[in-house]
Amino acid sequence: MDDEQQNEHQALLAWILGIAVTIAVAASIVIGILSASGGGSAPVQAALPAASQEGAAAAAQAGAAAVGGSPTAAEVDVAPAPAVGAGYPAQVRFHFETGKSALPSDAAAQLAAIAEWARGDASAKIGISGFHDRHGDAAANAVLARDRAIATREALLAAGVPAERIVMVRPQETTGGGDDREARRVDVYPAQ
């Protein structure tokens, strides 16, 4: 599958996920309104087919996973300023293959110093910025950059970094200079 097909596939999946989440939210709103008006939610939930209840729950879970599975994984538009100097670990940069979001096999080792710092300093913040190039569909590229950043976030969580110390930055487009590989990256850095 080439990059364009991969981007189309991811865009379609994102569209389907969006519809499922919208249906789940709409069902929740209707149930909430009926509960608040004294109608109770049990009759409404009982009236919904079991498959749609399961689908709504799965869609809500998938929607949470789309931003890292946690309310603390909200993305910011502006990257926090890097913290540099004595006492701060070095930035980590992961480069990805075209259309891929898998971290390198030594990702845990590369993240060890920044994870140790974040676990030991209650005021620590780690910025995660995912980038993408201009080739293909912009929306699909943004999803791919987000998937790469989420994979990085999951590695930090697995290393014991508290979720509230991680700042996710919305995917950014970059030309990568003369090297498209630079455009397909995630930066992980101590943040102010």
N, C-alpha and C. Protein backbone atom coordinates (compact mmCIF):
# COMPACT_ATOMS: atom_id res chain seq x y z
N MET A 1 0.86 -1.16 0.00
CA MET A 1 0.00 0.00 0.00
C MET A 1 0.91 1.23 0.00
N ASP A 2 0.72 2.14 -0.95
CA ASP A 2 1.56 3.34 -0.99
C ASP A 2 1.00 4.40 -0.04
N ASP A 3 1.72 5.51 0.09
CA ASP A 3 1.35 6.55 1.05
C ASP A 3 -0.03 7.13 0.77
N GLU A 4 -0.34 7.35 -0.49
CA GLU A 4 -1.63 7.94 -0.82
C GLU A 4 -2.78 7.00 -0.43
N GLN A 5 -2.62 5.71 -0.70
CA GLN A 5 -3.64 4.74 -0.31
C GLN A 5 -3.74 4.66 1.21
N GLN A 6 -2.59 4.70 1.88
CA GLN A 6 -2.56 4.66 3.35
C GLN A 6 -3.30 5.88 3.90
N ASN A 7 -3.03 7.05 3.31
CA ASN A 7 -3.70 8.28 3.76
C ASN A 7 -5.20 8.21 3.53
N GLU A 8 -5.63 7.68 2.38
CA GLU A 8 -7.05 7.53 2.09
C GLU A 8 -7.70 6.57 3.08
N HIS A 9 -7.01 5.48 3.37
CA HIS A 9 -7.52 4.48 4.31
C HIS A 9 -7.68 5.11 5.70
N GLN A 10 -6.68 5.86 6.15
CA GLN A 10 -6.75 6.48 7.46
C GLN A 10 -7.82 7.56 7.51
N ALA A 11 -8.00 8.30 6.43
CA ALA A 11 -9.04 9.33 6.39
C ALA A 11 -10.42 8.68 6.48
N LEU A 12 -10.62 7.56 5.80
CA LEU A 12 -11.88 6.85 5.86
C LEU A 12 -12.15 6.34 7.27
N LEU A 13 -11.13 5.78 7.90
CA LEU A 13 -11.28 5.29 9.28
C LEU A 13 -11.61 6.43 10.23
N ALA A 14 -10.96 7.58 10.05
CA ALA A 14 -11.23 8.73 10.90
C ALA A 14 -12.67 9.22 10.69
N TRP A 15 -13.13 9.19 9.46
CA TRP A 15 -14.50 9.61 9.14
C TRP A 15 -15.51 8.66 9.80
N ILE A 16 -15.29 7.37 9.70
CA ILE A 16 -16.18 6.37 10.31
C ILE A 16 -16.18 6.53 11.82
N LEU A 17 -14.99 6.71 12.41
CA LEU A 17 -14.89 6.91 13.84
C LEU A 17 -15.66 8.17 14.26
N GLY A 18 -15.55 9.22 13.48
CA GLY A 18 -16.27 10.46 13.79
C GLY A 18 -17.77 10.26 13.81
N ILE A 19 -18.28 9.50 12.86
CA ILE A 19 -19.72 9.22 12.81
C ILE A 19 -20.13 8.40 14.03
N ALA A 20 -19.34 7.37 14.37
CA ALA A 20 -19.67 6.53 15.53
C ALA A 20 -19.67 7.34 16.81
N VAL A 21 -18.70 8.21 16.97
CA VAL A 21 -18.63 9.05 18.17
C VAL A 21 -19.82 10.01 18.21
N THR A 22 -20.18 10.58 17.06
CA THR A 22 -21.32 11.49 16.99
C THR A 22 -22.60 10.78 17.41
N ILE A 23 -22.80 9.57 16.93
CA ILE A 23 -23.99 8.79 17.30
C ILE A 23 -23.99 8.51 18.81
N ALA A 24 -22.83 8.14 19.35
CA ALA A 24 -22.74 7.85 20.78
C ALA A 24 -23.05 9.10 21.61
N VAL A 25 -22.52 10.24 21.17
CA VAL A 25 -22.77 11.49 21.90
C VAL A 25 -24.25 11.86 21.81
N ALA A 26 -24.84 11.73 20.64
CA ALA A 26 -26.26 12.05 20.47
C ALA A 26 -27.12 11.17 21.36
N ALA A 27 -26.82 9.88 21.41
CA ALA A 27 -27.58 8.96 22.26
C ALA A 27 -27.43 9.35 23.73
N SER A 28 -26.22 9.73 24.13
CA SER A 28 -25.99 10.14 25.52
C SER A 28 -26.78 11.40 25.85
N ILE A 29 -26.84 12.34 24.93
CA ILE A 29 -27.58 13.58 25.16
C ILE A 29 -29.07 13.30 25.31
N VAL A 30 -29.60 12.46 24.43
CA VAL A 30 -31.02 12.12 24.51
C VAL A 30 -31.33 11.44 25.84
N ILE A 31 -30.49 10.50 26.24
CA ILE A 31 -30.69 9.80 27.52
C ILE A 31 -30.60 10.79 28.67
N GLY A 32 -29.64 11.71 28.62
CA GLY A 32 -29.50 12.72 29.66
C GLY A 32 -30.70 13.63 29.75
N ILE A 33 -31.22 14.04 28.61
CA ILE A 33 -32.40 14.92 28.60
C ILE A 33 -33.60 14.19 29.17
N LEU A 34 -33.80 12.94 28.77
CA LEU A 34 -34.93 12.17 29.29
C LEU A 34 -34.78 11.91 30.78
N SER A 35 -33.56 11.67 31.24
CA SER A 35 -33.33 11.46 32.67
C SER A 35 -33.63 12.73 33.45
N ALA A 36 -33.19 13.87 32.94
CA ALA A 36 -33.39 15.13 33.63
C ALA A 36 -34.87 15.52 33.66
N SER A 37 -35.61 15.10 32.65
CA SER A 37 -37.03 15.47 32.62
C SER A 37 -37.89 14.46 33.36
N GLY A 38 -37.26 13.50 34.03
CA GLY A 38 -38.01 12.53 34.82
C GLY A 38 -38.37 11.29 34.05
N GLY A 39 -37.97 11.21 32.81
CA GLY A 39 -38.29 10.03 32.02
C GLY A 39 -37.45 8.84 32.38
N GLY A 40 -36.30 9.07 33.02
CA GLY A 40 -35.43 7.96 33.40
C GLY A 40 -34.69 7.42 32.21
N SER A 41 -33.48 6.94 32.44
CA SER A 41 -32.69 6.43 31.33
C SER A 41 -32.86 4.94 31.11
N ALA A 42 -33.34 4.22 32.12
CA ALA A 42 -33.47 2.77 31.98
C ALA A 42 -34.39 2.38 30.84
N PRO A 43 -35.61 3.00 30.72
CA PRO A 43 -36.46 2.60 29.60
C PRO A 43 -35.83 2.93 28.25
N VAL A 44 -35.13 4.06 28.17
CA VAL A 44 -34.52 4.43 26.91
C VAL A 44 -33.41 3.44 26.57
N GLN A 45 -32.55 3.11 27.55
CA GLN A 45 -31.48 2.16 27.30
C GLN A 45 -32.04 0.79 26.96
N ALA A 46 -33.13 0.41 27.62
CA ALA A 46 -33.72 -0.88 27.32
C ALA A 46 -34.29 -0.90 25.92
N ALA A 47 -34.77 0.26 25.45
CA ALA A 47 -35.34 0.33 24.12
C ALA A 47 -34.27 0.28 23.04
N LEU A 48 -33.05 0.71 23.38
CA LEU A 48 -31.97 0.67 22.39
C LEU A 48 -31.54 -0.77 22.19
N PRO A 49 -31.30 -1.18 20.97
CA PRO A 49 -30.80 -2.53 20.75
C PRO A 49 -29.44 -2.70 21.45
N ALA A 50 -29.18 -3.89 21.93
CA ALA A 50 -27.92 -4.16 22.64
C ALA A 50 -26.73 -3.84 21.76
N ALA A 51 -26.83 -4.12 20.48
CA ALA A 51 -25.70 -3.87 19.58
C ALA A 51 -25.38 -2.38 19.50
N SER A 52 -26.42 -1.53 19.50
CA SER A 52 -26.12 -0.10 19.41
C SER A 52 -25.57 0.42 20.73
N GLN A 53 -26.00 -0.18 21.87
CA GLN A 53 -25.41 0.22 23.16
C GLN A 53 -23.93 -0.14 23.18
N GLU A 54 -23.60 -1.35 22.70
CA GLU A 54 -22.20 -1.76 22.65
C GLU A 54 -21.43 -0.88 21.67
N GLY A 55 -22.05 -0.56 20.55
CA GLY A 55 -21.39 0.29 19.56
C GLY A 55 -21.13 1.68 20.10
N ALA A 56 -22.09 2.22 20.85
CA ALA A 56 -21.91 3.54 21.42
C ALA A 56 -20.78 3.53 22.44
N ALA A 57 -20.72 2.48 23.25
CA ALA A 57 -19.64 2.38 24.24
C ALA A 57 -18.29 2.24 23.54
N ALA A 58 -18.24 1.43 22.50
CA ALA A 58 -16.98 1.25 21.76
C ALA A 58 -16.57 2.55 21.07
N ALA A 59 -17.55 3.27 20.54
CA ALA A 59 -17.25 4.53 19.86
C ALA A 59 -16.72 5.55 20.86
N ALA A 60 -17.33 5.59 22.05
CA ALA A 60 -16.85 6.53 23.06
C ALA A 60 -15.43 6.17 23.47
N GLN A 61 -15.17 4.87 23.63
CA GLN A 61 -13.81 4.43 23.97
C GLN A 61 -12.84 4.78 22.85
N ALA A 62 -13.24 4.55 21.62
CA ALA A 62 -12.37 4.85 20.48
C ALA A 62 -12.13 6.34 20.38
N GLY A 63 -13.13 7.15 20.69
CA GLY A 63 -12.96 8.59 20.67
C GLY A 63 -11.95 9.03 21.71
N ALA A 64 -12.00 8.40 22.88
CA ALA A 64 -11.01 8.72 23.91
C ALA A 64 -9.63 8.28 23.46
N ALA A 65 -9.55 7.13 22.80
CA ALA A 65 -8.25 6.65 22.32
C ALA A 65 -7.69 7.56 21.24
N ALA A 66 -8.55 8.23 20.50
CA ALA A 66 -8.07 9.11 19.44
C ALA A 66 -7.23 10.25 19.97
N VAL A 67 -7.43 10.61 21.24
CA VAL A 67 -6.58 11.63 21.84
C VAL A 67 -5.74 11.05 22.97
N GLY A 68 -5.48 9.76 22.88
CA GLY A 68 -4.58 9.16 23.84
C GLY A 68 -5.26 8.48 24.99
N GLY A 69 -6.58 8.35 24.97
CA GLY A 69 -7.27 7.57 25.98
C GLY A 69 -7.45 8.27 27.31
N SER A 70 -7.17 9.53 27.41
CA SER A 70 -7.25 10.19 28.70
C SER A 70 -7.62 11.65 28.50
N PRO A 71 -8.44 12.19 29.42
CA PRO A 71 -8.77 13.60 29.30
C PRO A 71 -7.55 14.50 29.44
N THR A 72 -6.48 13.99 30.05
CA THR A 72 -5.28 14.80 30.20
C THR A 72 -4.45 14.81 28.92
N ALA A 73 -4.92 14.13 27.88
CA ALA A 73 -4.17 14.07 26.62
C ALA A 73 -4.63 15.13 25.65
N ALA A 74 -5.33 16.14 26.13
CA ALA A 74 -5.78 17.20 25.24
C ALA A 74 -4.58 17.83 24.54
N GLU A 75 -4.79 18.23 23.33
CA GLU A 75 -3.71 18.81 22.54
C GLU A 75 -3.74 20.33 22.65
N VAL A 76 -2.56 20.91 22.60
CA VAL A 76 -2.43 22.36 22.59
C VAL A 76 -2.00 22.78 21.19
N ASP A 77 -2.34 24.01 20.82
CA ASP A 77 -1.97 24.51 19.50
C ASP A 77 -0.53 25.02 19.46
N VAL A 78 -0.08 25.58 20.56
CA VAL A 78 1.26 26.16 20.62
C VAL A 78 2.13 25.29 21.50
N ALA A 79 3.24 24.85 20.95
CA ALA A 79 4.16 24.00 21.70
C ALA A 79 4.74 24.76 22.88
N PRO A 80 4.83 24.11 24.04
CA PRO A 80 5.48 24.77 25.17
C PRO A 80 6.97 24.98 24.87
N ALA A 81 7.54 25.99 25.48
CA ALA A 81 8.95 26.28 25.27
C ALA A 81 9.80 25.15 25.86
N PRO A 82 10.84 24.74 25.15
CA PRO A 82 11.72 23.71 25.70
C PRO A 82 12.47 24.22 26.93
N ALA A 83 12.68 23.33 27.89
CA ALA A 83 13.49 23.64 29.06
C ALA A 83 14.89 23.11 28.77
N VAL A 84 15.85 23.97 28.80
CA VAL A 84 17.23 23.58 28.49
C VAL A 84 18.15 24.00 29.61
N GLY A 85 19.29 23.36 29.66
CA GLY A 85 20.28 23.72 30.65
C GLY A 85 20.55 22.59 31.62
N ALA A 86 21.32 22.89 32.64
CA ALA A 86 21.68 21.89 33.63
C ALA A 86 20.43 21.36 34.33
N GLY A 87 20.38 20.08 34.52
CA GLY A 87 19.26 19.46 35.22
C GLY A 87 18.15 18.98 34.30
N TYR A 88 18.20 19.33 33.02
CA TYR A 88 17.17 18.90 32.09
C TYR A 88 17.76 17.86 31.13
N PRO A 89 16.99 16.81 30.84
CA PRO A 89 17.49 15.82 29.87
C PRO A 89 17.44 16.38 28.45
N ALA A 90 18.16 15.73 27.57
CA ALA A 90 18.19 16.14 26.16
C ALA A 90 16.89 15.76 25.46
N GLN A 91 16.58 16.50 24.41
CA GLN A 91 15.44 16.19 23.55
C GLN A 91 15.66 14.85 22.88
N VAL A 92 14.56 14.12 22.66
CA VAL A 92 14.59 12.87 21.92
C VAL A 92 13.82 13.10 20.63
N ARG A 93 14.34 12.60 19.53
CA ARG A 93 13.68 12.76 18.23
C ARG A 93 13.56 11.39 17.57
N PHE A 94 12.31 11.02 17.23
CA PHE A 94 12.07 9.78 16.51
C PHE A 94 11.72 10.11 15.06
N HIS A 95 12.34 9.40 14.12
CA HIS A 95 12.01 9.52 12.70
C HIS A 95 11.24 8.28 12.29
N PHE A 96 10.24 8.47 11.43
CA PHE A 96 9.35 7.38 11.05
C PHE A 96 9.43 7.12 9.55
N GLU A 97 9.14 5.89 9.20
CA GLU A 97 9.04 5.51 7.80
C GLU A 97 7.76 6.13 7.23
N THR A 98 7.74 6.30 5.93
CA THR A 98 6.57 6.86 5.26
C THR A 98 5.33 6.01 5.56
N GLY A 99 4.27 6.65 6.05
CA GLY A 99 3.01 5.98 6.31
C GLY A 99 3.01 5.09 7.54
N LYS A 100 4.03 5.13 8.37
CA LYS A 100 4.14 4.25 9.55
C LYS A 100 4.12 5.07 10.83
N SER A 101 3.63 4.44 11.91
CA SER A 101 3.62 5.11 13.21
C SER A 101 4.29 4.28 14.30
N ALA A 102 4.94 3.19 13.91
CA ALA A 102 5.59 2.32 14.89
C ALA A 102 6.88 2.96 15.38
N LEU A 103 7.05 2.97 16.70
CA LEU A 103 8.28 3.49 17.30
C LEU A 103 9.42 2.51 17.03
N PRO A 104 10.65 3.01 17.04
CA PRO A 104 11.79 2.10 16.87
C PRO A 104 11.89 1.15 18.06
N SER A 105 12.54 0.02 17.86
CA SER A 105 12.62 -0.99 18.92
C SER A 105 13.36 -0.49 20.15
N ASP A 106 14.22 0.50 20.01
CA ASP A 106 14.96 1.02 21.15
C ASP A 106 14.33 2.30 21.73
N ALA A 107 13.04 2.51 21.47
CA ALA A 107 12.36 3.72 21.94
C ALA A 107 12.42 3.86 23.46
N ALA A 108 12.20 2.77 24.18
CA ALA A 108 12.21 2.84 25.64
C ALA A 108 13.58 3.30 26.14
N ALA A 109 14.63 2.78 25.55
CA ALA A 109 15.99 3.18 25.95
C ALA A 109 16.23 4.66 25.64
N GLN A 110 15.74 5.12 24.48
CA GLN A 110 15.93 6.52 24.11
C GLN A 110 15.16 7.46 25.03
N LEU A 111 14.01 6.99 25.53
CA LEU A 111 13.17 7.82 26.39
C LEU A 111 13.52 7.70 27.87
N ALA A 112 14.44 6.82 28.23
CA ALA A 112 14.74 6.52 29.64
C ALA A 112 15.11 7.76 30.44
N ALA A 113 16.00 8.59 29.94
CA ALA A 113 16.46 9.75 30.71
C ALA A 113 15.34 10.76 30.93
N ILE A 114 14.57 11.04 29.89
CA ILE A 114 13.50 12.03 30.03
C ILE A 114 12.38 11.47 30.91
N ALA A 115 12.11 10.16 30.83
CA ALA A 115 11.09 9.54 31.67
C ALA A 115 11.53 9.57 33.14
N GLU A 116 12.78 9.26 33.40
CA GLU A 116 13.29 9.29 34.77
C GLU A 116 13.18 10.70 35.36
N TRP A 117 13.55 11.70 34.58
CA TRP A 117 13.43 13.09 35.01
C TRP A 117 11.98 13.43 35.34
N ALA A 118 11.05 13.04 34.47
CA ALA A 118 9.64 13.38 34.66
C ALA A 118 9.04 12.66 35.87
N ARG A 119 9.47 11.44 36.12
CA ARG A 119 8.97 10.71 37.29
C ARG A 119 9.48 11.34 38.59
N GLY A 120 10.69 11.89 38.55
CA GLY A 120 11.31 12.41 39.76
C GLY A 120 11.04 13.86 40.08
N ASP A 121 10.48 14.62 39.16
CA ASP A 121 10.26 16.04 39.37
C ASP A 121 8.76 16.33 39.23
N ALA A 122 8.14 16.68 40.35
CA ALA A 122 6.68 16.90 40.36
C ALA A 122 6.24 18.04 39.46
N SER A 123 7.14 18.95 39.12
CA SER A 123 6.77 20.07 38.25
C SER A 123 7.14 19.82 36.78
N ALA A 124 7.65 18.63 36.50
CA ALA A 124 8.11 18.32 35.14
C ALA A 124 6.97 18.30 34.13
N LYS A 125 7.25 18.79 32.96
CA LYS A 125 6.34 18.70 31.81
C LYS A 125 7.15 18.20 30.63
N ILE A 126 6.55 17.31 29.86
CA ILE A 126 7.20 16.79 28.65
C ILE A 126 6.34 17.18 27.46
N GLY A 127 6.93 17.85 26.50
CA GLY A 127 6.23 18.21 25.27
C GLY A 127 6.42 17.12 24.22
N ILE A 128 5.36 16.79 23.52
CA ILE A 128 5.42 15.83 22.41
C ILE A 128 4.83 16.52 21.18
N SER A 129 5.68 16.70 20.18
CA SER A 129 5.25 17.36 18.94
C SER A 129 5.43 16.40 17.78
N GLY A 130 4.33 16.08 17.08
CA GLY A 130 4.39 15.24 15.90
C GLY A 130 4.34 16.10 14.65
N PHE A 131 5.13 15.72 13.66
CA PHE A 131 5.21 16.49 12.42
C PHE A 131 4.87 15.60 11.23
N HIS A 132 4.49 16.24 10.14
CA HIS A 132 4.23 15.50 8.90
C HIS A 132 4.65 16.37 7.71
N ASP A 133 4.79 15.71 6.57
CA ASP A 133 5.19 16.45 5.38
C ASP A 133 3.97 16.90 4.59
N ARG A 134 4.19 17.50 3.45
CA ARG A 134 3.09 18.05 2.64
C ARG A 134 2.60 17.09 1.57
N HIS A 135 3.15 15.90 1.50
CA HIS A 135 2.74 14.95 0.46
C HIS A 135 1.45 14.25 0.86
N GLY A 136 0.53 14.09 -0.07
CA GLY A 136 -0.72 13.38 0.21
C GLY A 136 -1.75 14.28 0.85
N ASP A 137 -2.77 13.65 1.44
CA ASP A 137 -3.89 14.34 2.05
C ASP A 137 -3.49 14.94 3.39
N ALA A 138 -3.75 16.22 3.57
CA ALA A 138 -3.33 16.93 4.79
C ALA A 138 -4.01 16.35 6.03
N ALA A 139 -5.30 16.04 5.94
CA ALA A 139 -6.02 15.49 7.10
C ALA A 139 -5.47 14.12 7.49
N ALA A 140 -5.22 13.28 6.51
CA ALA A 140 -4.67 11.96 6.80
C ALA A 140 -3.26 12.07 7.36
N ASN A 141 -2.48 13.02 6.85
CA ASN A 141 -1.14 13.24 7.38
C ASN A 141 -1.20 13.68 8.85
N ALA A 142 -2.17 14.54 9.18
CA ALA A 142 -2.32 14.98 10.56
C ALA A 142 -2.68 13.81 11.47
N VAL A 143 -3.54 12.91 10.99
CA VAL A 143 -3.90 11.72 11.76
C VAL A 143 -2.66 10.85 11.97
N LEU A 144 -1.86 10.68 10.95
CA LEU A 144 -0.64 9.88 11.05
C LEU A 144 0.34 10.52 12.04
N ALA A 145 0.51 11.83 11.97
CA ALA A 145 1.40 12.52 12.92
C ALA A 145 0.88 12.37 14.34
N ARG A 146 -0.43 12.45 14.52
CA ARG A 146 -1.04 12.27 15.85
C ARG A 146 -0.82 10.83 16.34
N ASP A 147 -0.98 9.85 15.45
CA ASP A 147 -0.75 8.45 15.83
C ASP A 147 0.69 8.24 16.29
N ARG A 148 1.62 8.89 15.62
CA ARG A 148 3.03 8.79 16.00
C ARG A 148 3.25 9.41 17.38
N ALA A 149 2.63 10.57 17.62
CA ALA A 149 2.77 11.23 18.92
C ALA A 149 2.11 10.40 20.02
N ILE A 150 0.97 9.79 19.72
CA ILE A 150 0.28 8.96 20.71
C ILE A 150 1.11 7.72 21.02
N ALA A 151 1.74 7.12 20.02
CA ALA A 151 2.61 5.97 20.27
C ALA A 151 3.75 6.37 21.21
N THR A 152 4.28 7.57 21.01
CA THR A 152 5.34 8.07 21.87
C THR A 152 4.81 8.31 23.28
N ARG A 153 3.62 8.89 23.39
CA ARG A 153 3.00 9.13 24.69
C ARG A 153 2.78 7.81 25.42
N GLU A 154 2.30 6.81 24.72
CA GLU A 154 2.07 5.50 25.33
C GLU A 154 3.37 4.90 25.86
N ALA A 155 4.46 5.10 25.16
CA ALA A 155 5.77 4.61 25.63
C ALA A 155 6.17 5.33 26.91
N LEU A 156 5.90 6.63 27.00
CA LEU A 156 6.21 7.37 28.22
C LEU A 156 5.33 6.90 29.38
N LEU A 157 4.05 6.69 29.11
CA LEU A 157 3.15 6.18 30.15
C LEU A 157 3.61 4.81 30.64
N ALA A 158 4.04 3.95 29.70
CA ALA A 158 4.53 2.62 30.07
C ALA A 158 5.81 2.72 30.91
N ALA A 159 6.56 3.80 30.73
CA ALA A 159 7.78 4.02 31.51
C ALA A 159 7.48 4.65 32.87
N GLY A 160 6.21 4.85 33.18
CA GLY A 160 5.82 5.37 34.49
C GLY A 160 5.67 6.87 34.58
N VAL A 161 5.66 7.58 33.46
CA VAL A 161 5.47 9.03 33.49
C VAL A 161 3.99 9.32 33.71
N PRO A 162 3.64 10.11 34.72
CA PRO A 162 2.23 10.45 34.94
C PRO A 162 1.65 11.20 33.73
N ALA A 163 0.44 10.85 33.36
CA ALA A 163 -0.21 11.43 32.18
C ALA A 163 -0.33 12.94 32.25
N GLU A 164 -0.54 13.49 33.45
CA GLU A 164 -0.73 14.94 33.57
C GLU A 164 0.56 15.72 33.31
N ARG A 165 1.68 15.04 33.21
CA ARG A 165 2.95 15.73 32.94
C ARG A 165 3.29 15.76 31.45
N ILE A 166 2.41 15.18 30.63
CA ILE A 166 2.67 15.11 29.19
C ILE A 166 1.79 16.13 28.47
N VAL A 167 2.41 16.96 27.65
CA VAL A 167 1.70 17.98 26.87
C VAL A 167 1.77 17.56 25.40
N MET A 168 0.62 17.23 24.82
CA MET A 168 0.54 16.85 23.42
C MET A 168 0.29 18.12 22.59
N VAL A 169 1.08 18.29 21.53
CA VAL A 169 0.96 19.44 20.64
C VAL A 169 0.28 18.97 19.36
N ARG A 170 -0.68 19.74 18.86
CA ARG A 170 -1.37 19.37 17.62
C ARG A 170 -0.34 19.13 16.52
N PRO A 171 -0.63 18.15 15.64
CA PRO A 171 0.32 17.86 14.55
C PRO A 171 0.64 19.10 13.74
N GLN A 172 1.89 19.16 13.35
CA GLN A 172 2.38 20.32 12.61
C GLN A 172 2.98 19.87 11.29
N GLU A 173 2.78 20.69 10.27
CA GLU A 173 3.37 20.40 8.96
C GLU A 173 4.74 21.06 8.89
N THR A 174 5.67 20.34 8.34
CA THR A 174 7.00 20.90 8.14
C THR A 174 7.54 20.38 6.82
N THR A 175 8.36 21.17 6.21
CA THR A 175 8.95 20.71 4.96
C THR A 175 10.14 19.81 5.22
N GLY A 176 10.69 19.86 6.42
CA GLY A 176 11.82 19.01 6.75
C GLY A 176 13.11 19.42 6.07
N GLY A 177 13.17 20.63 5.58
CA GLY A 177 14.36 21.06 4.86
C GLY A 177 14.49 20.26 3.58
N GLY A 178 15.68 19.77 3.32
CA GLY A 178 15.90 18.97 2.12
C GLY A 178 15.64 17.49 2.36
N ASP A 179 15.24 17.11 3.56
CA ASP A 179 15.08 15.71 3.92
C ASP A 179 13.65 15.47 4.41
N ASP A 180 12.84 14.74 3.62
CA ASP A 180 11.46 14.44 4.02
C ASP A 180 11.42 13.65 5.32
N ARG A 181 12.48 12.92 5.61
CA ARG A 181 12.53 12.14 6.85
C ARG A 181 12.40 13.07 8.06
N GLU A 182 12.98 14.26 7.99
CA GLU A 182 12.87 15.21 9.09
C GLU A 182 11.42 15.65 9.30
N ALA A 183 10.64 15.64 8.24
CA ALA A 183 9.24 16.03 8.34
C ALA A 183 8.41 14.93 9.00
N ARG A 184 8.88 13.69 8.96
CA ARG A 184 8.16 12.56 9.55
C ARG A 184 8.81 12.22 10.89
N ARG A 185 8.56 13.08 11.87
CA ARG A 185 9.22 12.89 13.15
C ARG A 185 8.31 13.25 14.31
N VAL A 186 8.74 12.84 15.50
CA VAL A 186 8.15 13.27 16.76
C VAL A 186 9.28 13.76 17.64
N ASP A 187 9.12 14.96 18.19
CA ASP A 187 10.07 15.51 19.14
C ASP A 187 9.51 15.35 20.55
N VAL A 188 10.35 14.88 21.45
CA VAL A 188 9.99 14.71 22.87
C VAL A 188 11.00 15.53 23.67
N TYR A 189 10.53 16.47 24.48
CA TYR A 189 11.47 17.38 25.13
C TYR A 189 10.95 17.84 26.49
N PRO A 190 11.88 18.16 27.40
CA PRO A 190 11.46 18.77 28.65
C PRO A 190 10.89 20.15 28.34
N ALA A 191 9.75 20.48 28.94
CA ALA A 191 9.08 21.73 28.61
C ALA A 191 8.94 22.61 29.84
N GLN A 192 8.81 23.90 29.59
CA GLN A 192 8.62 24.87 30.66
C GLN A 192 7.15 25.04 30.96
